[in-house]
C-alpha atoms as a PDB file:
ATOM      1  CA  MET A   1      -0.217   0.121  -0.076  1.00  0.00           C
ATOM      2  CA  ARG A   2       1.423   3.221  -1.215  1.00  0.00           C
ATOM      3  CA  THR A   3       1.891   6.331   1.569  1.00  0.00           C
ATOM      4  CA  VAL A   4      -1.428   7.407   3.263  1.00  0.00           C
ATOM      5  CA  HIS A   5      -1.532  11.205   2.480  1.00  0.00           C
ATOM      6  CA  LYS A   6      -5.377  11.512   2.370  1.00  0.00           C
ATOM      7  CA  ILE A   7      -7.887   9.712   4.760  1.00  0.00           C
ATOM      8  CA  THR A   8     -12.206  10.316   3.819  1.00  0.00           C
ATOM      9  CA  VAL A   9     -14.023   9.279   6.598  1.00  0.00           C
ATOM     10  CA  LEU A  10     -18.025   7.948   7.270  1.00  0.00           C
ATOM     11  CA  SER A  11     -18.976   9.410  10.187  1.00  0.00           C
ATOM     12  CA  GLY A  12     -22.271   9.626  12.889  1.00  0.00           C
ATOM     13  CA  GLY A  13     -21.563  11.456  16.108  1.00  0.00           C
ATOM     14  CA  MET A  14     -19.927  10.818  18.749  1.00  0.00           C
ATOM     15  CA  GLY A  15     -18.977   7.480  17.944  1.00  0.00           C
ATOM     16  CA  GLY A  16     -17.064   8.877  15.052  1.00  0.00           C
ATOM     17  CA  ALA A  17     -16.287  11.901  16.594  1.00  0.00           C
ATOM     18  CA  LYS A  18     -14.310   9.918  19.254  1.00  0.00           C
ATOM     19  CA  PHE A  19     -12.539   7.104  16.724  1.00  0.00           C
ATOM     20  CA  LEU A  20     -11.667  10.842  14.588  1.00  0.00           C
ATOM     21  CA  GLN A  21      -9.971  12.315  17.656  1.00  0.00           C
ATOM     22  CA  GLY A  22      -7.322   9.103  18.145  1.00  0.00           C
ATOM     23  CA  LEU A  23      -7.265   8.886  14.594  1.00  0.00           C
ATOM     24  CA  LEU A  24      -5.573  12.087  14.317  1.00  0.00           C
ATOM     25  CA  HIS A  25      -3.661  11.650  17.431  1.00  0.00           C
ATOM     26  CA  GLY A  26      -2.119   8.563  15.842  1.00  0.00           C
ATOM     27  CA  ILE A  27      -1.419  10.768  12.331  1.00  0.00           C
ATOM     28  CA  ARG A  28       0.404  13.304  14.620  1.00  0.00           C
ATOM     29  CA  GLY A  29       1.675  11.139  16.957  1.00  0.00           C
ATOM     30  CA  GLY A  30       3.020   8.719  13.931  1.00  0.00           C
ATOM     31  CA  THR A  31       1.787   5.711  15.340  1.00  0.00           C
ATOM     32  CA  LEU A  32       0.019   4.999  12.285  1.00  0.00           C
ATOM     33  CA  PRO A  33       1.924   2.891  10.020  1.00  0.00           C
ATOM     34  CA  GLY A  34       2.227   3.720   6.369  1.00  0.00           C
ATOM     35  CA  VAL A  35       0.393   7.030   7.190  1.00  0.00           C
ATOM     36  CA  ALA A  36       1.903  10.427   6.517  1.00  0.00           C
ATOM     37  CA  ASP A  37       2.583  12.433   9.669  1.00  0.00           C
ATOM     38  CA  ASP A  38       0.778  15.369   7.849  1.00  0.00           C
ATOM     39  CA  ALA A  39      -2.131  13.277   6.018  1.00  0.00           C
ATOM     40  CA  GLU A  40      -5.177  15.414   5.558  1.00  0.00           C
ATOM     41  CA  VAL A  41      -8.269  13.891   6.814  1.00  0.00           C
ATOM     42  CA  THR A  42     -11.751  14.787   5.055  1.00  0.00           C
ATOM     43  CA  VAL A  43     -14.915  14.387   7.426  1.00  0.00           C
ATOM     44  CA  VAL A  44     -18.540  13.151   5.397  1.00  0.00           C
ATOM     45  CA  ALA A  45     -21.233  13.763   8.297  1.00  0.00           C
ATOM     46  CA  ASN A  46     -24.231  12.324   8.239  1.00  0.00           C
ATOM     47  CA  THR A  47     -27.013  14.890   8.275  1.00  0.00           C
ATOM     48  CA  ALA A  48     -30.066  12.266   8.147  1.00  0.00           C
ATOM     49  CA  ASP A  49     -30.451  13.011  11.934  1.00  0.00           C
ATOM     50  CA  ASP A  50     -30.625  16.810  10.923  1.00  0.00           C
ATOM     51  CA  TRP A  51     -34.063  18.598  12.053  1.00  0.00           C
ATOM     52  CA  TRP A  52     -35.896  22.103  12.976  1.00  0.00           C
ATOM     53  CA  ILE A  53     -36.710  23.351  16.684  1.00  0.00           C
ATOM     54  CA  HIS A  54     -37.830  26.525  17.545  1.00  0.00           C
ATOM     55  CA  GLY A  55     -37.291  27.490  13.955  1.00  0.00           C
ATOM     56  CA  LEU A  56     -33.702  27.027  14.013  1.00  0.00           C
ATOM     57  CA  LYS A  57     -31.640  24.028  12.410  1.00  0.00           C
ATOM     58  CA  VAL A  58     -29.572  21.779  14.377  1.00  0.00           C
ATOM     59  CA  CYS A  59     -27.465  19.702  12.685  1.00  0.00           C
ATOM     60  CA  PRO A  60     -26.634  17.126  15.310  1.00  0.00           C
ATOM     61  CA  ASP A  61     -23.717  15.171  13.741  1.00  0.00           C
ATOM     62  CA  LEU A  62     -22.302  18.066  12.103  1.00  0.00           C
ATOM     63  CA  ASP A  63     -21.859  19.772  15.417  1.00  0.00           C
ATOM     64  CA  THR A  64     -20.587  16.871  17.399  1.00  0.00           C
ATOM     65  CA  VAL A  65     -18.040  16.405  15.306  1.00  0.00           C
ATOM     66  CA  MET A  66     -17.164  19.924  15.212  1.00  0.00           C
ATOM     67  CA  TYR A  67     -17.546  20.408  18.723  1.00  0.00           C
ATOM     68  CA  THR A  68     -15.369  17.627  19.485  1.00  0.00           C
ATOM     69  CA  LEU A  69     -12.699  18.473  17.070  1.00  0.00           C
ATOM     70  CA  GLY A  70     -12.360  21.748  18.149  1.00  0.00           C
ATOM     71  CA  ASP A  71     -12.222  20.903  22.065  1.00  0.00           C
ATOM     72  CA  GLY A  72     -15.640  22.093  23.156  1.00  0.00           C
ATOM     73  CA  ILE A  73     -18.065  19.203  23.267  1.00  0.00           C
ATOM     74  CA  ASP A  74     -19.642  18.531  26.643  1.00  0.00           C
ATOM     75  CA  LEU A  75     -17.390  14.617  27.205  1.00  0.00           C
ATOM     76  CA  GLU A  76     -20.339  13.857  29.541  1.00  0.00           C
ATOM     77  CA  ARG A  77     -23.386  13.868  28.186  1.00  0.00           C
ATOM     78  CA  GLY A  78     -21.617  13.118  24.256  1.00  0.00           C
ATOM     79  CA  TRP A  79     -23.321  16.401  22.600  1.00  0.00           C
ATOM     80  CA  GLY A  80     -23.678  20.341  23.007  1.00  0.00           C
ATOM     81  CA  ARG A  81     -20.918  22.518  24.609  1.00  0.00           C
ATOM     82  CA  ARG A  82     -19.561  21.644  27.444  1.00  0.00           C
ATOM     83  CA  GLU A  83     -19.820  25.018  30.374  1.00  0.00           C
ATOM     84  CA  GLU A  84     -23.236  25.065  29.340  1.00  0.00           C
ATOM     85  CA  THR A  85     -26.549  26.941  30.399  1.00  0.00           C
ATOM     86  CA  TRP A  86     -29.985  26.604  30.001  1.00  0.00           C
ATOM     87  CA  SER A  87     -32.389  29.119  30.411  1.00  0.00           C
ATOM     88  CA  ALA A  88     -33.661  29.674  27.362  1.00  0.00           C
ATOM     89  CA  LYS A  89     -34.466  25.853  27.198  1.00  0.00           C
ATOM     90  CA  GLU A  90     -36.381  27.117  30.883  1.00  0.00           C
ATOM     91  CA  GLU A  91     -37.743  30.076  28.943  1.00  0.00           C
ATOM     92  CA  LEU A  92     -39.316  27.963  26.302  1.00  0.00           C
ATOM     93  CA  ALA A  93     -40.713  25.148  28.640  1.00  0.00           C
ATOM     94  CA  ALA A  94     -42.435  28.230  30.852  1.00  0.00           C
ATOM     95  CA  TYR A  95     -44.258  29.563  27.861  1.00  0.00           C
ATOM     96  CA  GLY A  96     -45.073  26.219  27.593  1.00  0.00           C
ATOM     97  CA  VAL A  97     -44.038  25.734  24.318  1.00  0.00           C
ATOM     98  CA  GLU A  98     -42.981  22.353  23.085  1.00  0.00           C
ATOM     99  CA  PRO A  99     -41.490  19.690  22.828  1.00  0.00           C
ATOM    100  CA  THR A 100     -40.113  20.397  26.419  1.00  0.00           C
ATOM    101  CA  TRP A 101     -38.330  17.230  25.637  1.00  0.00           C
ATOM    102  CA  PHE A 102     -35.249  18.451  23.538  1.00  0.00           C
ATOM    103  CA  GLY A 103     -33.454  21.144  24.929  1.00  0.00           C
ATOM    104  CA  LEU A 104     -30.522  23.267  23.326  1.00  0.00           C
ATOM    105  CA  GLY A 105     -28.564  25.061  25.702  1.00  0.00           C
ATOM    106  CA  ASP A 106     -27.899  28.348  25.269  1.00  0.00           C
ATOM    107  CA  ARG A 107     -24.101  28.249  23.704  1.00  0.00           C
ATOM    108  CA  ASP A 108     -25.234  25.790  21.058  1.00  0.00           C
ATOM    109  CA  ILE A 109     -28.055  27.495  20.097  1.00  0.00           C
ATOM    110  CA  ALA A 110     -25.679  29.883  19.245  1.00  0.00           C
ATOM    111  CA  THR A 111     -24.556  28.284  16.755  1.00  0.00           C
ATOM    112  CA  HIS A 112     -28.178  27.519  15.161  1.00  0.00           C
ATOM    113  CA  LEU A 113     -29.064  31.278  15.001  1.00  0.00           C
ATOM    114  CA  VAL A 114     -25.785  31.535  13.083  1.00  0.00           C
ATOM    115  CA  ARG A 115     -26.230  28.246  10.599  1.00  0.00           C
ATOM    116  CA  THR A 116     -30.149  29.083  10.361  1.00  0.00           C
ATOM    117  CA  GLN A 117     -29.724  33.128   9.211  1.00  0.00           C
ATOM    118  CA  MET A 118     -26.930  31.899   6.966  1.00  0.00           C
ATOM    119  CA  LEU A 119     -29.124  29.357   5.365  1.00  0.00           C
ATOM    120  CA  GLU A 120     -31.599  31.737   5.262  1.00  0.00           C
ATOM    121  CA  ALA A 121     -29.577  34.624   3.539  1.00  0.00           C
ATOM    122  CA  GLY A 122     -29.388  31.506   0.656  1.00  0.00           C
ATOM    123  CA  TYR A 123     -26.047  29.902   2.057  1.00  0.00           C
ATOM    124  CA  SER A 124     -25.685  26.039   1.243  1.00  0.00           C
ATOM    125  CA  LEU A 125     -25.473  23.952   4.375  1.00  0.00           C
ATOM    126  CA  SER A 126     -21.416  22.769   3.129  1.00  0.00           C
ATOM    127  CA  GLN A 127     -21.159  26.635   2.950  1.00  0.00           C
ATOM    128  CA  VAL A 128     -22.141  27.359   6.554  1.00  0.00           C
ATOM    129  CA  THR A 129     -20.034  24.496   8.007  1.00  0.00           C
ATOM    130  CA  GLU A 130     -17.396  25.770   5.821  1.00  0.00           C
ATOM    131  CA  ALA A 131     -17.628  28.606   8.115  1.00  0.00           C
ATOM    132  CA  LEU A 132     -18.700  27.681  11.022  1.00  0.00           C
ATOM    133  CA  CYS A 133     -15.700  25.305  10.917  1.00  0.00           C
ATOM    134  CA  ARG A 134     -12.925  28.256  10.954  1.00  0.00           C
ATOM    135  CA  ARG A 135     -14.246  28.824  14.554  1.00  0.00           C
ATOM    136  CA  TRP A 136     -13.737  25.546  15.828  1.00  0.00           C
ATOM    137  CA  LEU A 137     -11.741  23.624  13.420  1.00  0.00           C
ATOM    138  CA  THR A 138      -8.077  25.505  14.359  1.00  0.00           C
ATOM    139  CA  PRO A 139      -4.679  24.429  13.703  1.00  0.00           C
ATOM    140  CA  THR A 140      -4.428  23.902  17.317  1.00  0.00           C
ATOM    141  CA  TYR A 141      -7.420  20.925  16.741  1.00  0.00           C
ATOM    142  CA  GLY A 142      -8.846  20.654  13.525  1.00  0.00           C
ATOM    143  CA  ALA A 143      -5.517  21.130  11.585  1.00  0.00           C
ATOM    144  CA  GLY A 144      -5.396  18.807   8.281  1.00  0.00           C
ATOM    145  CA  VAL A 145      -9.387  18.116   8.541  1.00  0.00           C
ATOM    146  CA  ARG A 146     -12.086  19.012   7.008  1.00  0.00           C
ATOM    147  CA  LEU A 147     -15.627  18.608   7.562  1.00  0.00           C
ATOM    148  CA  LEU A 148     -18.387  18.003   4.551  1.00  0.00           C
ATOM    149  CA  PRO A 149     -22.489  17.515   5.006  1.00  0.00           C
ATOM    150  CA  MET A 150     -23.153  14.392   3.255  1.00  0.00           C
ATOM    151  CA  THR A 151     -25.721  16.220   1.215  1.00  0.00           C
ATOM    152  CA  ASP A 152     -27.326  19.735   1.232  1.00  0.00           C
ATOM    153  CA  ASP A 153     -30.740  19.028   0.973  1.00  0.00           C
ATOM    154  CA  ARG A 154     -33.379  18.317   3.070  1.00  0.00           C
ATOM    155  CA  VAL A 155     -32.956  14.939   4.386  1.00  0.00           C
ATOM    156  CA  GLU A 156     -34.811  13.449   7.957  1.00  0.00           C
ATOM    157  CA  THR A 157     -35.095  10.215   9.296  1.00  0.00           C
ATOM    158  CA  HIS A 158     -37.863   8.591  10.539  1.00  0.00           C
ATOM    159  CA  VAL A 159     -38.835   6.213  12.732  1.00  0.00           C
ATOM    160  CA  ALA A 160     -42.536   3.890  13.379  1.00  0.00           C
ATOM    161  CA  VAL A 161     -43.276   2.333  16.211  1.00  0.00           C
ATOM    162  CA  ALA A 162     -46.038   0.473  17.993  1.00  0.00           C
ATOM    163  CA  ASP A 163     -48.991   2.604  18.990  1.00  0.00           C
ATOM    164  CA  ALA A 164     -52.064   0.909  20.020  1.00  0.00           C
ATOM    165  CA  ASP A 165     -53.731   4.548  20.343  1.00  0.00           C
ATOM    166  CA  GLU A 166     -53.817   4.951  16.550  1.00  0.00           C
ATOM    167  CA  PRO A 167     -55.025   2.682  13.761  1.00  0.00           C
ATOM    168  CA  SER A 168     -53.011   1.407  12.092  1.00  0.00           C
ATOM    169  CA  GLY A 169     -51.311   0.089  15.191  1.00  0.00           C
ATOM    170  CA  LYS A 170     -48.527   2.306  14.696  1.00  0.00           C
ATOM    171  CA  ARG A 171     -47.317   6.054  14.419  1.00  0.00           C
ATOM    172  CA  VAL A 172     -43.676   7.412  12.767  1.00  0.00           C
ATOM    173  CA  VAL A 173     -41.844  10.369  14.441  1.00  0.00           C
ATOM    174  CA  HIS A 174     -38.932  11.969  14.130  1.00  0.00           C
ATOM    175  CA  PHE A 175     -35.551  10.045  14.407  1.00  0.00           C
ATOM    176  CA  GLN A 176     -34.991  12.676  17.418  1.00  0.00           C
ATOM    177  CA  GLU A 177     -37.793  11.915  19.352  1.00  0.00           C
ATOM    178  CA  TYR A 178     -37.275   8.395  19.105  1.00  0.00           C
ATOM    179  CA  TRP A 179     -33.878   8.612  20.474  1.00  0.00           C
ATOM    180  CA  VAL A 180     -34.580  11.784  23.317  1.00  0.00           C
ATOM    181  CA  ARG A 181     -37.803  11.268  24.055  1.00  0.00           C
ATOM    182  CA  LEU A 182     -38.198   7.474  23.844  1.00  0.00           C
ATOM    183  CA  ARG A 183     -34.778   6.618  24.034  1.00  0.00           C
ATOM    184  CA  ALA A 184     -34.506   4.260  21.652  1.00  0.00           C
ATOM    185  CA  GLU A 185     -36.329   2.168  24.871  1.00  0.00           C
ATOM    186  CA  VAL A 186     -39.509   0.422  21.996  1.00  0.00           C
ATOM    187  CA  PRO A 187     -38.779  -1.565  19.262  1.00  0.00           C
ATOM    188  CA  ALA A 188     -38.166   0.134  15.872  1.00  0.00           C
ATOM    189  CA  GLU A 189     -40.616  -1.892  13.154  1.00  0.00           C
ATOM    190  CA  THR A 190     -39.268   0.745  10.121  1.00  0.00           C
ATOM    191  CA  VAL A 191     -36.584   3.098   9.538  1.00  0.00           C
ATOM    192  CA  VAL A 192     -38.050   5.649   6.535  1.00  0.00           C
ATOM    193  CA  VAL A 193     -35.360   8.325   5.397  1.00  0.00           C
ATOM    194  CA  VAL A 194     -36.932  10.952   3.895  1.00  0.00           C
ATOM    195  CA  GLY A 195     -35.533  12.627   1.021  1.00  0.00           C
ATOM    196  CA  LEU A 196     -32.737  10.204   0.384  1.00  0.00           C
ATOM    197  CA  GLU A 197     -33.179   8.625  -2.747  1.00  0.00           C
ATOM    198  CA  GLN A 198     -33.961  12.729  -4.250  1.00  0.00           C
ATOM    199  CA  ALA A 199     -30.694  13.756  -2.499  1.00  0.00           C
ATOM    200  CA  THR A 200     -27.469  14.426  -3.909  1.00  0.00           C
ATOM    201  CA  PRO A 201     -24.072  14.592  -2.696  1.00  0.00           C
ATOM    202  CA  GLY A 202     -22.943  17.561  -1.060  1.00  0.00           C
ATOM    203  CA  PRO A 203     -19.649  19.318  -2.859  1.00  0.00           C
ATOM    204  CA  GLY A 204     -16.791  17.886  -2.589  1.00  0.00           C
ATOM    205  CA  VAL A 205     -17.903  14.344  -1.104  1.00  0.00           C
ATOM    206  CA  ILE A 206     -17.334  12.106  -4.171  1.00  0.00           C
ATOM    207  CA  GLU A 207     -14.548  13.564  -4.702  1.00  0.00           C
ATOM    208  CA  ALA A 208     -12.815  13.040  -1.631  1.00  0.00           C
ATOM    209  CA  ILE A 209     -14.060   9.603  -1.491  1.00  0.00           C
ATOM    210  CA  ALA A 210     -12.563   8.757  -5.171  1.00  0.00           C
ATOM    211  CA  GLY A 211      -9.469  10.960  -4.113  1.00  0.00           C
ATOM    212  CA  ALA A 212      -8.244   9.203  -0.716  1.00  0.00           C
ATOM    213  CA  ASP A 213      -5.363   6.899   0.246  1.00  0.00           C
ATOM    214  CA  LEU A 214      -7.346   5.609   3.029  1.00  0.00           C
ATOM    215  CA  VAL A 215     -11.616   5.777   3.526  1.00  0.00           C
ATOM    216  CA  VAL A 216     -12.604   4.680   7.162  1.00  0.00           C
ATOM    217  CA  LEU A 217     -16.195   3.510   8.028  1.00  0.00           C
ATOM    218  CA  PRO A 218     -15.792   4.160  11.937  1.00  0.00           C
ATOM    219  CA  PRO A 219     -17.419   2.467  15.156  1.00  0.00           C
ATOM    220  CA  SER A 220     -20.651   4.199  14.427  1.00  0.00           C
ATOM    221  CA  ASN A 221     -24.123   2.961  13.728  1.00  0.00           C
ATOM    222  CA  PRO A 222     -24.617   1.187  10.926  1.00  0.00           C
ATOM    223  CA  VAL A 223     -28.287   2.160   9.717  1.00  0.00           C
ATOM    224  CA  VAL A 224     -28.752   5.662  10.597  1.00  0.00           C
ATOM    225  CA  SER A 225     -25.027   7.030  10.661  1.00  0.00           C
ATOM    226  CA  VAL A 226     -23.095   5.863   8.072  1.00  0.00           C
ATOM    227  CA  GLY A 227     -26.258   3.632   6.290  1.00  0.00           C
ATOM    228  CA  THR A 228     -27.637   7.320   5.467  1.00  0.00           C
ATOM    229  CA  ILE A 229     -24.106   8.493   4.140  1.00  0.00           C
ATOM    230  CA  LEU A 230     -24.011   5.374   1.584  1.00  0.00           C
ATOM    231  CA  GLY A 231     -27.546   6.114   0.363  1.00  0.00           C
ATOM    232  CA  VAL A 232     -26.947   8.983  -1.094  1.00  0.00           C
ATOM    233  CA  PRO A 233     -26.568   8.418  -4.712  1.00  0.00           C
ATOM    234  CA  GLY A 234     -23.636   8.392  -5.973  1.00  0.00           C
ATOM    235  CA  VAL A 235     -21.819   7.603  -2.332  1.00  0.00           C
ATOM    236  CA  ARG A 236     -22.190   3.907  -2.329  1.00  0.00           C
ATOM    237  CA  ASP A 237     -20.800   3.640  -6.041  1.00  0.00           C
ATOM    238  CA  ALA A 238     -17.679   5.911  -4.728  1.00  0.00           C
ATOM    239  CA  VAL A 239     -16.942   3.931  -2.358  1.00  0.00           C
ATOM    240  CA  ALA A 240     -16.928   0.166  -4.256  1.00  0.00           C
ATOM    241  CA  THR A 241     -14.676   1.821  -6.768  1.00  0.00           C
ATOM    242  CA  THR A 242     -12.646   4.403  -5.247  1.00  0.00           C
ATOM    243  CA  ASP A 243      -8.797   3.740  -5.712  1.00  0.00           C
ATOM    244  CA  ALA A 244      -8.593   3.711  -1.986  1.00  0.00           C
ATOM    245  CA  ARG A 245      -8.900   0.922   0.507  1.00  0.00           C
ATOM    246  CA  VAL A 246     -11.760   0.447   2.994  1.00  0.00           C
ATOM    247  CA  VAL A 247     -11.524  -0.350   6.004  1.00  0.00           C
ATOM    248  CA  GLY A 248     -14.238  -0.438   9.123  1.00  0.00           C
ATOM    249  CA  LEU A 249     -14.583  -1.143  12.893  1.00  0.00           C
ATOM    250  CA  SER A 250     -17.404  -3.012  14.338  1.00  0.00           C
ATOM    251  CA  PRO A 251     -20.037  -0.310  16.535  1.00  0.00           C
ATOM    252  CA  ILE A 252     -21.074  -3.851  17.964  1.00  0.00           C
ATOM    253  CA  VAL A 253     -18.905  -5.650  20.749  1.00  0.00           C
ATOM    254  CA  GLY A 254     -19.491  -8.755  22.830  1.00  0.00           C
ATOM    255  CA  GLY A 255     -22.869  -9.088  20.674  1.00  0.00           C
ATOM    256  CA  THR A 256     -24.460  -5.571  21.254  1.00  0.00           C
ATOM    257  CA  HIS A 257     -23.502  -1.831  20.707  1.00  0.00           C
ATOM    258  CA  VAL A 258     -21.473  -0.089  22.987  1.00  0.00           C
ATOM    259  CA  ARG A 259     -23.747   3.230  23.049  1.00  0.00           C
ATOM    260  CA  GLY A 260     -26.381   4.544  21.053  1.00  0.00           C
ATOM    261  CA  MET A 261     -29.040   2.522  19.283  1.00  0.00           C
ATOM    262  CA  ALA A 262     -27.241   0.183  17.099  1.00  0.00           C
ATOM    263  CA  GLU A 263     -28.933  -3.127  18.028  1.00  0.00           C
ATOM    264  CA  GLN A 264     -32.461  -1.624  17.568  1.00  0.00           C
ATOM    265  CA  MET A 265     -31.832  -0.454  13.839  1.00  0.00           C
ATOM    266  CA  LEU A 266     -29.969  -3.235  13.179  1.00  0.00           C
ATOM    267  CA  THR A 267     -33.114  -5.098  14.345  1.00  0.00           C
ATOM    268  CA  SER A 268     -35.307  -2.683  12.193  1.00  0.00           C
ATOM    269  CA  ILE A 269     -33.999  -4.086   8.805  1.00  0.00           C
ATOM    270  CA  GLY A 270     -33.757  -7.584   9.518  1.00  0.00           C
ATOM    271  CA  VAL A 271     -29.022  -7.570  10.136  1.00  0.00           C
ATOM    272  CA  GLU A 272     -28.459 -10.225  12.370  1.00  0.00           C
ATOM    273  CA  VAL A 273     -26.503  -7.933  15.978  1.00  0.00           C
ATOM    274  CA  SER A 274     -23.274  -8.634  15.780  1.00  0.00           C
ATOM    275  CA  ALA A 275     -20.119  -7.945  14.702  1.00  0.00           C
ATOM    276  CA  ALA A 276     -19.604 -10.667  11.671  1.00  0.00           C
ATOM    277  CA  GLY A 277     -23.439  -9.702  10.784  1.00  0.00           C
ATOM    278  CA  VAL A 278     -22.666  -5.726   9.877  1.00  0.00           C
ATOM    279  CA  GLY A 279     -19.349  -6.802   8.548  1.00  0.00           C
ATOM    280  CA  LEU A 280     -21.665  -8.388   6.305  1.00  0.00           C
ATOM    281  CA  HIS A 281     -24.059  -6.325   5.785  1.00  0.00           C
ATOM    282  CA  TYR A 282     -21.832  -3.599   4.699  1.00  0.00           C
ATOM    283  CA  GLY A 283     -20.423  -6.290   1.838  1.00  0.00           C
ATOM    284  CA  ALA A 284     -17.146  -7.094   0.626  1.00  0.00           C
ATOM    285  CA  ARG A 285     -16.114  -5.310  -2.573  1.00  0.00           C
ATOM    286  CA  SER A 286     -15.456  -7.739  -4.410  1.00  0.00           C
ATOM    287  CA  ALA A 287     -19.113  -8.955  -3.937  1.00  0.00           C
ATOM    288  CA  GLY A 288     -20.923  -5.582  -4.838  1.00  0.00           C
ATOM    289  CA  GLY A 289     -20.266  -4.296  -1.242  1.00  0.00           C
ATOM    290  CA  VAL A 290     -18.170  -1.913   0.192  1.00  0.00           C
ATOM    291  CA  LEU A 291     -15.366  -3.110   2.325  1.00  0.00           C
ATOM    292  CA  ASP A 292     -11.507  -4.509   2.308  1.00  0.00           C
ATOM    293  CA  GLY A 293     -11.458  -4.795   5.373  1.00  0.00           C
ATOM    294  CA  TRP A 294     -13.158  -5.083   8.828  1.00  0.00           C
ATOM    295  CA  LEU A 295     -12.181  -5.092  12.074  1.00  0.00           C
ATOM    296  CA  VAL A 296     -13.939  -6.754  15.070  1.00  0.00           C
ATOM    297  CA  ASP A 297     -13.223  -6.626  18.947  1.00  0.00           C
ATOM    298  CA  GLU A 298     -11.048  -9.221  20.898  1.00  0.00           C
ATOM    299  CA  ARG A 299     -14.471 -10.553  21.981  1.00  0.00           C
ATOM    300  CA  ASP A 300     -16.219 -11.109  18.846  1.00  0.00           C
ATOM    301  CA  ALA A 301     -12.965 -13.449  17.720  1.00  0.00           C
ATOM    302  CA  ALA A 302     -15.374 -16.265  17.086  1.00  0.00           C
ATOM    303  CA  ASP A 303     -16.443 -13.978  13.786  1.00  0.00           C
ATOM    304  CA  VAL A 304     -13.518 -13.109  12.064  1.00  0.00           C
ATOM    305  CA  GLU A 305     -13.900 -16.895  10.292  1.00  0.00           C
ATOM    306  CA  ARG A 306     -17.100 -15.533   8.961  1.00  0.00           C
ATOM    307  CA  VAL A 307     -17.000 -12.644   8.029  1.00  0.00           C
ATOM    308  CA  THR A 308     -13.163 -13.537   5.700  1.00  0.00           C
ATOM    309  CA  ALA A 309     -15.519 -16.048   4.148  1.00  0.00           C
ATOM    310  CA  GLY A 310     -17.716 -13.549   3.179  1.00  0.00           C
ATOM    311  CA  GLY A 311     -14.371 -12.441   1.136  1.00  0.00           C
ATOM    312  CA  ILE A 312     -13.290  -9.603   3.572  1.00  0.00           C
ATOM    313  CA  ALA A 313      -9.978  -9.352   5.546  1.00  0.00           C
ATOM    314  CA  CYS A 314     -11.096  -9.406   9.024  1.00  0.00           C
ATOM    315  CA  ALA A 315      -9.117  -9.778  12.524  1.00  0.00           C
ATOM    316  CA  ALA A 316     -10.316  -9.471  16.143  1.00  0.00           C
ATOM    317  CA  VAL A 317      -8.526  -6.321  18.325  1.00  0.00           C
ATOM    318  CA  PRO A 318      -9.066  -4.376  21.370  1.00  0.00           C
ATOM    319  CA  LEU A 319     -11.739  -2.085  20.087  1.00  0.00           C
ATOM    320  CA  MET A 320     -13.181   0.359  23.666  1.00  0.00           C
ATOM    321  CA  MET A 321     -12.314   4.221  22.880  1.00  0.00           C
ATOM    322  CA  THR A 322     -11.007   4.568  26.521  1.00  0.00           C
ATOM    323  CA  ASP A 323      -8.506   7.176  25.539  1.00  0.00           C
ATOM    324  CA  HIS A 324      -6.370   8.350  22.580  1.00  0.00           C
ATOM    325  CA  ASP A 325      -3.993   5.936  22.736  1.00  0.00           C
ATOM    326  CA  ALA A 326      -6.314   3.189  22.159  1.00  0.00           C
ATOM    327  CA  THR A 327      -8.348   4.250  19.515  1.00  0.00           C
ATOM    328  CA  ALA A 328      -5.050   5.321  17.915  1.00  0.00           C
ATOM    329  CA  ALA A 329      -4.252   1.857  18.214  1.00  0.00           C
ATOM    330  CA  MET A 330      -7.451   1.164  16.593  1.00  0.00           C
ATOM    331  CA  ALA A 331      -6.954   2.785  14.176  1.00  0.00           C
ATOM    332  CA  ALA A 332      -2.822   1.691  13.497  1.00  0.00           C
ATOM    333  CA  ALA A 333      -4.956  -1.780  13.170  1.00  0.00           C
ATOM    334  CA  ALA A 334      -7.337  -1.329  10.264  1.00  0.00           C
ATOM    335  CA  VAL A 335      -4.112   0.475   8.659  1.00  0.00           C
ATOM    336  CA  ARG A 336      -2.658  -2.378   8.792  1.00  0.00           C
ATOM    337  CA  LEU A 337      -5.016  -4.618   8.289  1.00  0.00           C
ATOM    338  CA  VAL A 338      -5.824  -3.312   3.956  1.00  0.00           C
ATOM    339  CA  GLY A 339      -2.062  -2.253   4.420  1.00  0.00           C
END
């Protein structure tokens, strides 16, 4: 494998953001085999979690990546700003304004105000994201990183859940309601991504995949994060045909997700909830899928043979992102696997 100068990562929110921190830590520390210490990283972020609330455009995954790489994320919550206050949320609740179950912190609101004003002035989401990143992706934290929305078009994920009070026996809620209000504690019967089939890739997305030396699918949700990115028309084909090597890391460890709702989402689309199940769901590039390599956790070492039999190089290594060094070691293992 030639020296890696350009890496493209298809990222969701917290899982992808934490992986990116470790990846950058490894690049700068020179611990990634065959990767230049000035390698450029392009992040293609999921925007199907986006929604409008209180007249503001909120982009949770874009903001989580941006805040994390800019050292402004609230690490305990895994989203939003650190040292946040909630005066606006409390005042909205006092007025009885719904939804009261979704809160925007005062600092976070500033980001959404800027984004919404720029969108209403005619700028695209990609242009707005670039402007916001001038603050967050500074030379200190985000040197050599570019953050791209998967599309500038409006795409929103909705989830069908059982509801005995509805004539159909089910109702459809926005992904944010399923995750925040329902806490993903009820089964997801169907996932519907509205607008995905009509969307076009954001500026630079296809070029970032086609021109990469390495494409990484981090341990983000394979259905509503990486899955929606790959679902943008043209993106899956770009990953399948790029000259880059494509490697993924399992979000399933020991038979379940570490954080989030991958188990619920995989069940909703009939995919086995296992490290092998997700790897084979992505599929081997040699058989029309998107992967050359797939890392599973040590606890799932028994899955390696199944994945390999499916035409994907596979290895079992520690996959818990306990700190930057551990995550950098994961990234190094991914590079070695496809190198």
